[in-house]
Amino acid sequence: MTSEGPTVSRVLDEATEFLSSRRPRTPRLDAELLLAYVLGQSRTQLYTRAFEQLPRNQVEKFQQLLKRRGQGAPVAYLVGWKEFYGRRFVVTPDVLIPRPETEILVEESLRCVERSGLARPRLLDCCTGSGCVAVTLALEVAESQVRACDLCPKALEVAAENLVAHNLHRRIKLYQGDLLEALPPHTQRFDLIVSNPPYVATDVGPRPEEGVVRYEPNLALFGGRDGCDLLRRLADGATRWLNPGGWMVLEMAPFQIEGMEAYLQERGFQHTSIVPDLSGLPRVLSGRWES
């Protein structure tokens, strides 16, 4: 018979204190997510069980995860999922963890689709990673035709798992390859190309947190000396793949947006728009392609 251990409440309090000295940003939330994962419960259910004693084996499993979190391992990788746009997505160390900034990318993409006025718009998510953007667009624009591509085969395996989880595996097609070169030659043009490409600069601008560089895939982070290598290639290649009047929507670092807006305009994109993130920093750039 499994021996009983401390209560849920005590375990959470001790875990919060432990993480506060190592990962002070969201120690209570992290502890709750990890314990809920171990117990197979929701965070809300933890509080309905606050005074229940936990089996020792579950406490030990929780402590192992807590130790890894204290060393910097992201919670999303420890529990295997992350919420994005109100939906749960599988994540592994082969893909970036979805972030709130990328929800701004989705929202601007949806505005562009609405401006197009098309009943069945064709959408492409380039550098799809976990597939969270492609899945979200497909679910938010019910009649859309969605395609997605990524350079990393392992990332596409994660994306494929998320397509199945959201019952979109028959509707969204995935392609493996380098940016727009992943698309088969006779693919129809798109009404919107959206991308959250690698845009961390190696030589200028702010560096990501140490834990991001250590744990998240560097292939999906770094975009050259100024971080704009892939952004420029996308802008160059999009003119071949966009229908007249089609939109491109890109996520990038705040210091890159002014230069990239000029770059898009030089290539024939009009009605460019800069959208701030939740911190008020410029984060997403959109533009309409006029042939």
C-alpha atoms as a PDB file:
ATOM      1  CA  MET A   1       0.000   0.000   0.000  1.00  0.00           C
ATOM      2  CA  THR A   2       1.432   3.405  -0.983  1.00  0.00           C
ATOM      3  CA  SER A   3       2.467   5.503   2.028  1.00  0.00           C
ATOM      4  CA  GLU A   4       0.879   8.902   2.395  1.00  0.00           C
ATOM      5  CA  GLY A   5       2.910  12.109   2.308  1.00  0.00           C
ATOM      6  CA  PRO A   6       2.337  15.828   2.824  1.00  0.00           C
ATOM      7  CA  THR A   7      -0.816  17.645   1.785  1.00  0.00           C
ATOM      8  CA  VAL A   8      -1.337  19.359  -1.565  1.00  0.00           C
ATOM      9  CA  SER A   9      -1.308  22.739   0.171  1.00  0.00           C
ATOM     10  CA  ARG A  10       1.983  22.094   1.928  1.00  0.00           C
ATOM     11  CA  VAL A  11       3.659  20.732  -1.197  1.00  0.00           C
ATOM     12  CA  LEU A  12       2.628  23.820  -3.176  1.00  0.00           C
ATOM     13  CA  ASP A  13       3.814  26.219  -0.468  1.00  0.00           C
ATOM     14  CA  GLU A  14       7.197  24.540  -0.177  1.00  0.00           C
ATOM     15  CA  ALA A  15       7.598  24.362  -3.962  1.00  0.00           C
ATOM     16  CA  THR A  16       6.734  28.053  -4.326  1.00  0.00           C
ATOM     17  CA  GLU A  17       9.340  28.965  -1.717  1.00  0.00           C
ATOM     18  CA  PHE A  18      11.927  26.803  -3.478  1.00  0.00           C
ATOM     19  CA  LEU A  19      11.271  28.334  -6.901  1.00  0.00           C
ATOM     20  CA  SER A  20      11.116  31.879  -5.537  1.00  0.00           C
ATOM     21  CA  SER A  21      14.829  31.701  -4.796  1.00  0.00           C
ATOM     22  CA  ARG A  22      15.684  30.294  -8.240  1.00  0.00           C
ATOM     23  CA  ARG A  23      12.982  31.239 -10.753  1.00  0.00           C
ATOM     24  CA  PRO A  24      11.290  34.240  -9.146  1.00  0.00           C
ATOM     25  CA  ARG A  25       9.086  35.359 -12.031  1.00  0.00           C
ATOM     26  CA  THR A  26       6.103  33.000 -11.605  1.00  0.00           C
ATOM     27  CA  PRO A  27       6.994  30.521  -8.846  1.00  0.00           C
ATOM     28  CA  ARG A  28       3.440  29.772  -7.690  1.00  0.00           C
ATOM     29  CA  LEU A  29       2.088  29.304 -11.197  1.00  0.00           C
ATOM     30  CA  ASP A  30       4.998  27.048 -12.123  1.00  0.00           C
ATOM     31  CA  ALA A  31       4.482  24.921  -9.025  1.00  0.00           C
ATOM     32  CA  GLU A  32       0.758  24.610  -9.698  1.00  0.00           C
ATOM     33  CA  LEU A  33       1.254  23.598 -13.322  1.00  0.00           C
ATOM     34  CA  LEU A  34       3.824  20.958 -12.424  1.00  0.00           C
ATOM     35  CA  LEU A  35       1.792  19.476  -9.595  1.00  0.00           C
ATOM     36  CA  ALA A  36      -1.398  19.480 -11.658  1.00  0.00           C
ATOM     37  CA  TYR A  37       0.524  17.593 -14.357  1.00  0.00           C
ATOM     38  CA  VAL A  38       1.789  14.979 -11.891  1.00  0.00           C
ATOM     39  CA  LEU A  39      -1.673  14.453 -10.418  1.00  0.00           C
ATOM     40  CA  GLY A  40      -3.500  14.532 -13.750  1.00  0.00           C
ATOM     41  CA  GLN A  41      -5.676  17.355 -12.454  1.00  0.00           C
ATOM     42  CA  SER A  42      -6.456  20.943 -13.389  1.00  0.00           C
ATOM     43  CA  ARG A  43      -4.988  23.808 -11.360  1.00  0.00           C
ATOM     44  CA  THR A  44      -8.461  24.534  -9.990  1.00  0.00           C
ATOM     45  CA  GLN A  45      -8.793  20.988  -8.719  1.00  0.00           C
ATOM     46  CA  LEU A  46      -5.621  21.402  -6.677  1.00  0.00           C
ATOM     47  CA  TYR A  47      -7.469  23.769  -4.377  1.00  0.00           C
ATOM     48  CA  THR A  48     -10.423  21.460  -3.939  1.00  0.00           C
ATOM     49  CA  ARG A  49      -7.892  18.871  -2.740  1.00  0.00           C
ATOM     50  CA  ALA A  50      -5.789  21.283  -0.688  1.00  0.00           C
ATOM     51  CA  PHE A  51      -5.803  19.196   2.507  1.00  0.00           C
ATOM     52  CA  GLU A  52      -5.546  15.774   0.925  1.00  0.00           C
ATOM     53  CA  GLN A  53      -2.329  13.861   1.518  1.00  0.00           C
ATOM     54  CA  LEU A  54      -0.330  12.861  -1.521  1.00  0.00           C
ATOM     55  CA  PRO A  55       1.255   9.467  -2.131  1.00  0.00           C
ATOM     56  CA  ARG A  56       5.012   9.515  -1.712  1.00  0.00           C
ATOM     57  CA  ASN A  57       5.660   8.404  -5.285  1.00  0.00           C
ATOM     58  CA  GLN A  58       3.751  11.408  -6.645  1.00  0.00           C
ATOM     59  CA  VAL A  59       5.622  13.765  -4.327  1.00  0.00           C
ATOM     60  CA  GLU A  60       8.928  12.327  -5.526  1.00  0.00           C
ATOM     61  CA  LYS A  61       7.955  12.718  -9.188  1.00  0.00           C
ATOM     62  CA  PHE A  62       6.895  16.297  -8.506  1.00  0.00           C
ATOM     63  CA  GLN A  63      10.175  17.061  -6.736  1.00  0.00           C
ATOM     64  CA  GLN A  64      12.148  15.741  -9.700  1.00  0.00           C
ATOM     65  CA  LEU A  65      10.284  18.093 -12.046  1.00  0.00           C
ATOM     66  CA  LEU A  66      10.668  20.930  -9.551  1.00  0.00           C
ATOM     67  CA  LYS A  67      14.416  20.428  -9.480  1.00  0.00           C
ATOM     68  CA  ARG A  68      14.601  20.603 -13.272  1.00  0.00           C
ATOM     69  CA  ARG A  69      12.489  23.762 -13.252  1.00  0.00           C
ATOM     70  CA  GLY A  70      14.819  25.243 -10.649  1.00  0.00           C
ATOM     71  CA  GLN A  71      17.698  24.547 -13.053  1.00  0.00           C
ATOM     72  CA  GLY A  72      15.894  26.469 -15.782  1.00  0.00           C
ATOM     73  CA  ALA A  73      13.999  23.861 -17.777  1.00  0.00           C
ATOM     74  CA  PRO A  74      10.816  25.495 -19.171  1.00  0.00           C
ATOM     75  CA  VAL A  75       7.548  24.362 -17.616  1.00  0.00           C
ATOM     76  CA  ALA A  76       6.054  23.790 -21.065  1.00  0.00           C
ATOM     77  CA  TYR A  77       8.716  21.209 -21.906  1.00  0.00           C
ATOM     78  CA  LEU A  78       8.326  19.525 -18.516  1.00  0.00           C
ATOM     79  CA  VAL A  79       4.559  19.080 -18.879  1.00  0.00           C
ATOM     80  CA  GLY A  80       4.583  18.704 -22.674  1.00  0.00           C
ATOM     81  CA  TRP A  81       2.077  21.427 -23.602  1.00  0.00           C
ATOM     82  CA  LYS A  82       1.472  25.165 -23.760  1.00  0.00           C
ATOM     83  CA  GLU A  83      -1.719  27.153 -24.131  1.00  0.00           C
ATOM     84  CA  PHE A  84      -1.969  29.439 -27.159  1.00  0.00           C
ATOM     85  CA  TYR A  85      -4.998  31.487 -28.177  1.00  0.00           C
ATOM     86  CA  GLY A  86      -7.105  29.583 -25.661  1.00  0.00           C
ATOM     87  CA  ARG A  87      -6.115  26.151 -26.958  1.00  0.00           C
ATOM     88  CA  ARG A  88      -3.623  23.553 -25.780  1.00  0.00           C
ATOM     89  CA  PHE A  89      -0.684  22.586 -27.999  1.00  0.00           C
ATOM     90  CA  VAL A  90       1.867  19.827 -27.654  1.00  0.00           C
ATOM     91  CA  VAL A  91       5.411  21.158 -27.361  1.00  0.00           C
ATOM     92  CA  THR A  92       8.785  19.445 -27.175  1.00  0.00           C
ATOM     93  CA  PRO A  93      12.365  20.781 -27.159  1.00  0.00           C
ATOM     94  CA  ASP A  94      12.235  20.505 -30.964  1.00  0.00           C
ATOM     95  CA  VAL A  95       9.948  23.557 -31.208  1.00  0.00           C
ATOM     96  CA  LEU A  96       9.781  27.027 -29.729  1.00  0.00           C
ATOM     97  CA  ILE A  97       7.342  27.486 -26.885  1.00  0.00           C
ATOM     98  CA  PRO A  98       4.369  29.584 -28.116  1.00  0.00           C
ATOM     99  CA  ARG A  99       4.369  33.087 -26.655  1.00  0.00           C
ATOM    100  CA  PRO A 100       1.791  35.839 -26.145  1.00  0.00           C
ATOM    101  CA  GLU A 101       3.572  38.009 -28.725  1.00  0.00           C
ATOM    102  CA  THR A 102       2.704  35.487 -31.391  1.00  0.00           C
ATOM    103  CA  GLU A 103      -0.981  35.818 -30.551  1.00  0.00           C
ATOM    104  CA  ILE A 104      -0.597  39.402 -31.834  1.00  0.00           C
ATOM    105  CA  LEU A 105       0.691  37.891 -35.093  1.00  0.00           C
ATOM    106  CA  VAL A 106      -2.460  35.777 -35.314  1.00  0.00           C
ATOM    107  CA  GLU A 107      -4.751  38.699 -34.556  1.00  0.00           C
ATOM    108  CA  GLU A 108      -3.185  40.870 -37.258  1.00  0.00           C
ATOM    109  CA  SER A 109      -3.406  37.954 -39.706  1.00  0.00           C
ATOM    110  CA  LEU A 110      -7.111  37.604 -38.964  1.00  0.00           C
ATOM    111  CA  ARG A 111      -7.611  41.329 -39.593  1.00  0.00           C
ATOM    112  CA  CYS A 112      -5.853  41.017 -42.940  1.00  0.00           C
ATOM    113  CA  VAL A 113      -8.007  38.035 -43.900  1.00  0.00           C
ATOM    114  CA  GLU A 114     -11.090  40.045 -43.013  1.00  0.00           C
ATOM    115  CA  ARG A 115      -9.874  42.959 -45.153  1.00  0.00           C
ATOM    116  CA  SER A 116      -9.437  40.612 -48.109  1.00  0.00           C
ATOM    117  CA  GLY A 117     -13.147  39.776 -48.060  1.00  0.00           C
ATOM    118  CA  LEU A 118     -12.486  36.312 -49.493  1.00  0.00           C
ATOM    119  CA  ALA A 119     -14.811  33.447 -48.617  1.00  0.00           C
ATOM    120  CA  ARG A 120     -12.132  30.732 -48.889  1.00  0.00           C
ATOM    121  CA  PRO A 121      -8.749  32.417 -48.401  1.00  0.00           C
ATOM    122  CA  ARG A 122      -5.541  30.449 -48.929  1.00  0.00           C
ATOM    123  CA  LEU A 123      -3.167  30.872 -45.983  1.00  0.00           C
ATOM    124  CA  LEU A 124       0.464  29.829 -45.481  1.00  0.00           C
ATOM    125  CA  ASP A 125       2.274  29.613 -42.140  1.00  0.00           C
ATOM    126  CA  CYS A 126       6.021  29.616 -42.809  1.00  0.00           C
ATOM    127  CA  CYS A 127       8.340  28.406 -39.996  1.00  0.00           C
ATOM    128  CA  THR A 128       5.346  26.732 -38.390  1.00  0.00           C
ATOM    129  CA  GLY A 129       7.172  25.015 -35.490  1.00  0.00           C
ATOM    130  CA  SER A 130       4.514  23.505 -33.242  1.00  0.00           C
ATOM    131  CA  GLY A 131       1.844  24.455 -35.774  1.00  0.00           C
ATOM    132  CA  CYS A 132       0.039  26.691 -33.287  1.00  0.00           C
ATOM    133  CA  VAL A 133      -0.383  29.561 -35.763  1.00  0.00           C
ATOM    134  CA  ALA A 134      -1.568  27.354 -38.625  1.00  0.00           C
ATOM    135  CA  VAL A 135      -4.033  25.500 -36.382  1.00  0.00           C
ATOM    136  CA  THR A 136      -5.364  28.720 -34.877  1.00  0.00           C
ATOM    137  CA  LEU A 137      -5.899  30.354 -38.266  1.00  0.00           C
ATOM    138  CA  ALA A 138      -7.627  27.245 -39.605  1.00  0.00           C
ATOM    139  CA  LEU A 139      -9.993  27.149 -36.642  1.00  0.00           C
ATOM    140  CA  GLU A 140     -10.667  30.891 -36.600  1.00  0.00           C
ATOM    141  CA  VAL A 141     -11.238  31.071 -40.387  1.00  0.00           C
ATOM    142  CA  ALA A 142     -13.403  28.016 -40.897  1.00  0.00           C
ATOM    143  CA  GLU A 143     -13.439  28.040 -44.715  1.00  0.00           C
ATOM    144  CA  SER A 144      -9.739  28.778 -45.166  1.00  0.00           C
ATOM    145  CA  GLN A 145      -7.277  26.524 -46.981  1.00  0.00           C
ATOM    146  CA  VAL A 146      -4.170  26.342 -44.811  1.00  0.00           C
ATOM    147  CA  ARG A 147      -0.645  25.157 -45.579  1.00  0.00           C
ATOM    148  CA  ALA A 148       2.387  25.181 -43.284  1.00  0.00           C
ATOM    149  CA  CYS A 149       6.107  24.567 -43.691  1.00  0.00           C
ATOM    150  CA  ASP A 150       9.248  24.258 -41.594  1.00  0.00           C
ATOM    151  CA  LEU A 151      12.893  23.402 -42.132  1.00  0.00           C
ATOM    152  CA  CYS A 152      13.081  20.985 -39.180  1.00  0.00           C
ATOM    153  CA  PRO A 153      11.588  17.490 -39.683  1.00  0.00           C
ATOM    154  CA  LYS A 154      11.235  16.974 -35.934  1.00  0.00           C
ATOM    155  CA  ALA A 155       9.306  20.225 -35.599  1.00  0.00           C
ATOM    156  CA  LEU A 156       6.944  19.021 -38.307  1.00  0.00           C
ATOM    157  CA  GLU A 157       6.352  15.834 -36.309  1.00  0.00           C
ATOM    158  CA  VAL A 158       5.172  17.999 -33.415  1.00  0.00           C
ATOM    159  CA  ALA A 159       3.024  20.079 -35.775  1.00  0.00           C
ATOM    160  CA  ALA A 160       1.490  16.910 -37.190  1.00  0.00           C
ATOM    161  CA  GLU A 161       0.614  15.761 -33.668  1.00  0.00           C
ATOM    162  CA  ASN A 162      -1.134  19.066 -33.035  1.00  0.00           C
ATOM    163  CA  LEU A 163      -3.053  18.805 -36.300  1.00  0.00           C
ATOM    164  CA  VAL A 164      -4.403  15.450 -35.179  1.00  0.00           C
ATOM    165  CA  ALA A 165      -5.219  16.780 -31.700  1.00  0.00           C
ATOM    166  CA  HIS A 166      -7.317  19.557 -33.245  1.00  0.00           C
ATOM    167  CA  ASN A 167      -8.808  17.328 -35.976  1.00  0.00           C
ATOM    168  CA  LEU A 168      -7.119  19.277 -38.772  1.00  0.00           C
ATOM    169  CA  HIS A 169      -4.818  16.583 -40.146  1.00  0.00           C
ATOM    170  CA  ARG A 170      -6.940  16.218 -43.291  1.00  0.00           C
ATOM    171  CA  ARG A 171      -7.287  19.947 -43.829  1.00  0.00           C
ATOM    172  CA  ILE A 172      -3.790  21.382 -43.285  1.00  0.00           C
ATOM    173  CA  LYS A 173      -0.871  20.163 -45.397  1.00  0.00           C
ATOM    174  CA  LEU A 174       2.675  20.294 -44.036  1.00  0.00           C
ATOM    175  CA  TYR A 175       5.821  20.757 -46.133  1.00  0.00           C
ATOM    176  CA  GLN A 176       9.436  20.314 -45.102  1.00  0.00           C
ATOM    177  CA  GLY A 177      12.057  22.691 -46.473  1.00  0.00           C
ATOM    178  CA  ASP A 178      13.832  26.033 -46.322  1.00  0.00           C
ATOM    179  CA  LEU A 179      11.236  28.809 -46.034  1.00  0.00           C
ATOM    180  CA  LEU A 180       9.175  29.203 -49.226  1.00  0.00           C
ATOM    181  CA  GLU A 181      11.410  26.733 -51.057  1.00  0.00           C
ATOM    182  CA  ALA A 182       9.511  24.026 -49.172  1.00  0.00           C
ATOM    183  CA  LEU A 183       6.470  24.569 -51.397  1.00  0.00           C
ATOM    184  CA  PRO A 184       5.976  22.254 -54.390  1.00  0.00           C
ATOM    185  CA  PRO A 185       6.452  24.105 -57.722  1.00  0.00           C
ATOM    186  CA  HIS A 186       2.803  24.007 -58.799  1.00  0.00           C
ATOM    187  CA  THR A 187       1.330  25.121 -55.487  1.00  0.00           C
ATOM    188  CA  GLN A 188      -1.402  27.727 -55.880  1.00  0.00           C
ATOM    189  CA  ARG A 189      -0.661  31.228 -54.672  1.00  0.00           C
ATOM    190  CA  PHE A 190      -1.783  32.453 -51.265  1.00  0.00           C
ATOM    191  CA  ASP A 191      -3.896  35.308 -49.985  1.00  0.00           C
ATOM    192  CA  LEU A 192      -1.846  35.554 -46.816  1.00  0.00           C
ATOM    193  CA  ILE A 193       1.640  34.461 -45.793  1.00  0.00           C
ATOM    194  CA  VAL A 194       2.302  34.631 -42.069  1.00  0.00           C
ATOM    195  CA  SER A 195       5.547  33.864 -40.292  1.00  0.00           C
ATOM    196  CA  ASN A 196       7.229  33.940 -36.911  1.00  0.00           C
ATOM    197  CA  PRO A 197      10.717  33.154 -38.248  1.00  0.00           C
ATOM    198  CA  PRO A 198      14.009  33.011 -36.354  1.00  0.00           C
ATOM    199  CA  TYR A 199      14.800  36.696 -35.734  1.00  0.00           C
ATOM    200  CA  VAL A 200      17.177  36.877 -32.765  1.00  0.00           C
ATOM    201  CA  ALA A 201      20.280  38.820 -33.827  1.00  0.00           C
ATOM    202  CA  THR A 202      23.717  37.422 -33.043  1.00  0.00           C
ATOM    203  CA  ASP A 203      25.530  40.797 -33.072  1.00  0.00           C
ATOM    204  CA  VAL A 204      23.025  43.502 -32.114  1.00  0.00           C
ATOM    205  CA  GLY A 205      19.903  44.008 -30.032  1.00  0.00           C
ATOM    206  CA  PRO A 206      18.820  42.294 -26.810  1.00  0.00           C
ATOM    207  CA  ARG A 207      19.760  38.699 -26.097  1.00  0.00           C
ATOM    208  CA  PRO A 208      17.176  36.133 -25.021  1.00  0.00           C
ATOM    209  CA  GLU A 209      17.228  34.875 -21.473  1.00  0.00           C
ATOM    210  CA  GLU A 210      19.851  32.253 -20.740  1.00  0.00           C
ATOM    211  CA  GLY A 211      17.213  29.557 -20.314  1.00  0.00           C
ATOM    212  CA  VAL A 212      15.745  30.280 -23.752  1.00  0.00           C
ATOM    213  CA  VAL A 213      19.090  29.824 -25.508  1.00  0.00           C
ATOM    214  CA  ARG A 214      19.941  26.796 -23.408  1.00  0.00           C
ATOM    215  CA  TYR A 215      16.690  24.878 -23.796  1.00  0.00           C
ATOM    216  CA  GLU A 216      14.857  26.078 -26.908  1.00  0.00           C
ATOM    217  CA  PRO A 217      16.033  25.128 -30.426  1.00  0.00           C
ATOM    218  CA  ASN A 218      18.630  27.600 -31.642  1.00  0.00           C
ATOM    219  CA  LEU A 219      17.652  26.816 -35.239  1.00  0.00           C
ATOM    220  CA  ALA A 220      14.316  28.470 -34.516  1.00  0.00           C
ATOM    221  CA  LEU A 221      15.825  31.446 -32.653  1.00  0.00           C
ATOM    222  CA  PHE A 222      18.715  33.016 -34.529  1.00  0.00           C
ATOM    223  CA  GLY A 223      18.332  34.934 -37.783  1.00  0.00           C
ATOM    224  CA  GLY A 224      21.808  36.220 -38.599  1.00  0.00           C
ATOM    225  CA  ARG A 225      23.907  39.162 -37.450  1.00  0.00           C
ATOM    226  CA  ASP A 226      21.002  41.631 -37.391  1.00  0.00           C
ATOM    227  CA  GLY A 227      18.321  38.926 -37.056  1.00  0.00           C
ATOM    228  CA  CYS A 228      16.745  39.874 -40.382  1.00  0.00           C
ATOM    229  CA  ASP A 229      18.227  37.264 -42.728  1.00  0.00           C
ATOM    230  CA  LEU A 230      15.069  35.152 -42.910  1.00  0.00           C
ATOM    231  CA  LEU A 231      12.752  38.151 -42.720  1.00  0.00           C
ATOM    232  CA  ARG A 232      14.363  39.612 -45.849  1.00  0.00           C
ATOM    233  CA  ARG A 233      14.260  36.268 -47.665  1.00  0.00           C
ATOM    234  CA  LEU A 234      10.565  35.944 -46.856  1.00  0.00           C
ATOM    235  CA  ALA A 235       9.869  39.433 -48.172  1.00  0.00           C
ATOM    236  CA  ASP A 236      11.808  38.666 -51.357  1.00  0.00           C
ATOM    237  CA  GLY A 237      10.136  35.306 -51.959  1.00  0.00           C
ATOM    238  CA  ALA A 238       6.601  36.280 -51.004  1.00  0.00           C
ATOM    239  CA  THR A 239       6.065  38.261 -54.190  1.00  0.00           C
ATOM    240  CA  ARG A 240       6.203  34.981 -56.117  1.00  0.00           C
ATOM    241  CA  TRP A 241       3.710  33.243 -53.863  1.00  0.00           C
ATOM    242  CA  LEU A 242       1.137  35.917 -53.030  1.00  0.00           C
ATOM    243  CA  ASN A 243      -1.955  36.656 -55.058  1.00  0.00           C
ATOM    244  CA  PRO A 244      -2.352  40.321 -56.046  1.00  0.00           C
ATOM    245  CA  GLY A 245      -3.772  42.054 -53.003  1.00  0.00           C
ATOM    246  CA  GLY A 246      -2.445  39.330 -50.718  1.00  0.00           C
ATOM    247  CA  TRP A 247      -0.959  40.093 -47.324  1.00  0.00           C
ATOM    248  CA  MET A 248       2.283  39.257 -45.559  1.00  0.00           C
ATOM    249  CA  VAL A 249       2.366  39.343 -41.746  1.00  0.00           C
ATOM    250  CA  LEU A 250       5.667  38.962 -39.877  1.00  0.00           C
ATOM    251  CA  GLU A 251       6.714  38.855 -36.245  1.00  0.00           C
ATOM    252  CA  MET A 252      10.088  40.384 -35.346  1.00  0.00           C
ATOM    253  CA  ALA A 253      12.026  42.272 -32.691  1.00  0.00           C
ATOM    254  CA  PRO A 254      11.065  45.895 -32.034  1.00  0.00           C
ATOM    255  CA  PHE A 255      14.393  47.311 -33.260  1.00  0.00           C
ATOM    256  CA  GLN A 256      13.977  45.536 -36.623  1.00  0.00           C
ATOM    257  CA  ILE A 257      10.541  46.782 -37.607  1.00  0.00           C
ATOM    258  CA  GLU A 258      11.348  50.212 -39.025  1.00  0.00           C
ATOM    259  CA  GLY A 259      13.987  48.812 -41.357  1.00  0.00           C
ATOM    260  CA  MET A 260      11.843  45.878 -42.402  1.00  0.00           C
ATOM    261  CA  GLU A 261       8.881  48.131 -43.116  1.00  0.00           C
ATOM    262  CA  ALA A 262      11.060  50.097 -45.571  1.00  0.00           C
ATOM    263  CA  TYR A 263      12.296  46.789 -47.036  1.00  0.00           C
ATOM    264  CA  LEU A 264       8.735  45.619 -47.697  1.00  0.00           C
ATOM    265  CA  GLN A 265       7.771  48.931 -49.229  1.00  0.00           C
ATOM    266  CA  GLU A 266      10.760  48.804 -51.597  1.00  0.00           C
ATOM    267  CA  ARG A 267       9.476  45.455 -52.859  1.00  0.00           C
ATOM    268  CA  GLY A 268       6.015  46.698 -53.671  1.00  0.00           C
ATOM    269  CA  PHE A 269       4.158  46.109 -50.430  1.00  0.00           C
ATOM    270  CA  GLN A 270       1.648  48.817 -49.622  1.00  0.00           C
ATOM    271  CA  HIS A 271      -0.609  49.686 -46.682  1.00  0.00           C
ATOM    272  CA  THR A 272       2.090  48.542 -44.268  1.00  0.00           C
ATOM    273  CA  SER A 273       1.103  48.530 -40.618  1.00  0.00           C
ATOM    274  CA  ILE A 274       3.024  48.080 -37.355  1.00  0.00           C
ATOM    275  CA  VAL A 275       1.245  46.426 -34.425  1.00  0.00           C
ATOM    276  CA  PRO A 276       2.521  46.643 -30.821  1.00  0.00           C
ATOM    277  CA  ASP A 277       2.658  43.733 -28.405  1.00  0.00           C
ATOM    278  CA  LEU A 278       1.133  43.703 -24.933  1.00  0.00           C
ATOM    279  CA  SER A 279       4.101  45.713 -23.629  1.00  0.00           C
ATOM    280  CA  GLY A 280       3.482  48.445 -26.198  1.00  0.00           C
ATOM    281  CA  LEU A 281       6.582  47.546 -28.221  1.00  0.00           C
ATOM    282  CA  PRO A 282       6.351  47.233 -32.020  1.00  0.00           C
ATOM    283  CA  ARG A 283       6.199  43.508 -32.722  1.00  0.00           C
ATOM    284  CA  VAL A 284       4.255  42.635 -35.891  1.00  0.00           C
ATOM    285  CA  LEU A 285       4.541  44.083 -39.388  1.00  0.00           C
ATOM    286  CA  SER A 286       1.981  43.595 -42.129  1.00  0.00           C
ATOM    287  CA  GLY A 287       1.862  44.724 -45.737  1.00  0.00           C
ATOM    288  CA  ARG A 288      -0.272  44.178 -48.827  1.00  0.00           C
ATOM    289  CA  TRP A 289       1.336  42.963 -52.041  1.00  0.00           C
ATOM    290  CA  GLU A 290       0.361  44.894 -55.165  1.00  0.00           C
ATOM    291  CA  SER A 291       1.573  43.298 -58.375  1.00  0.00           C
END
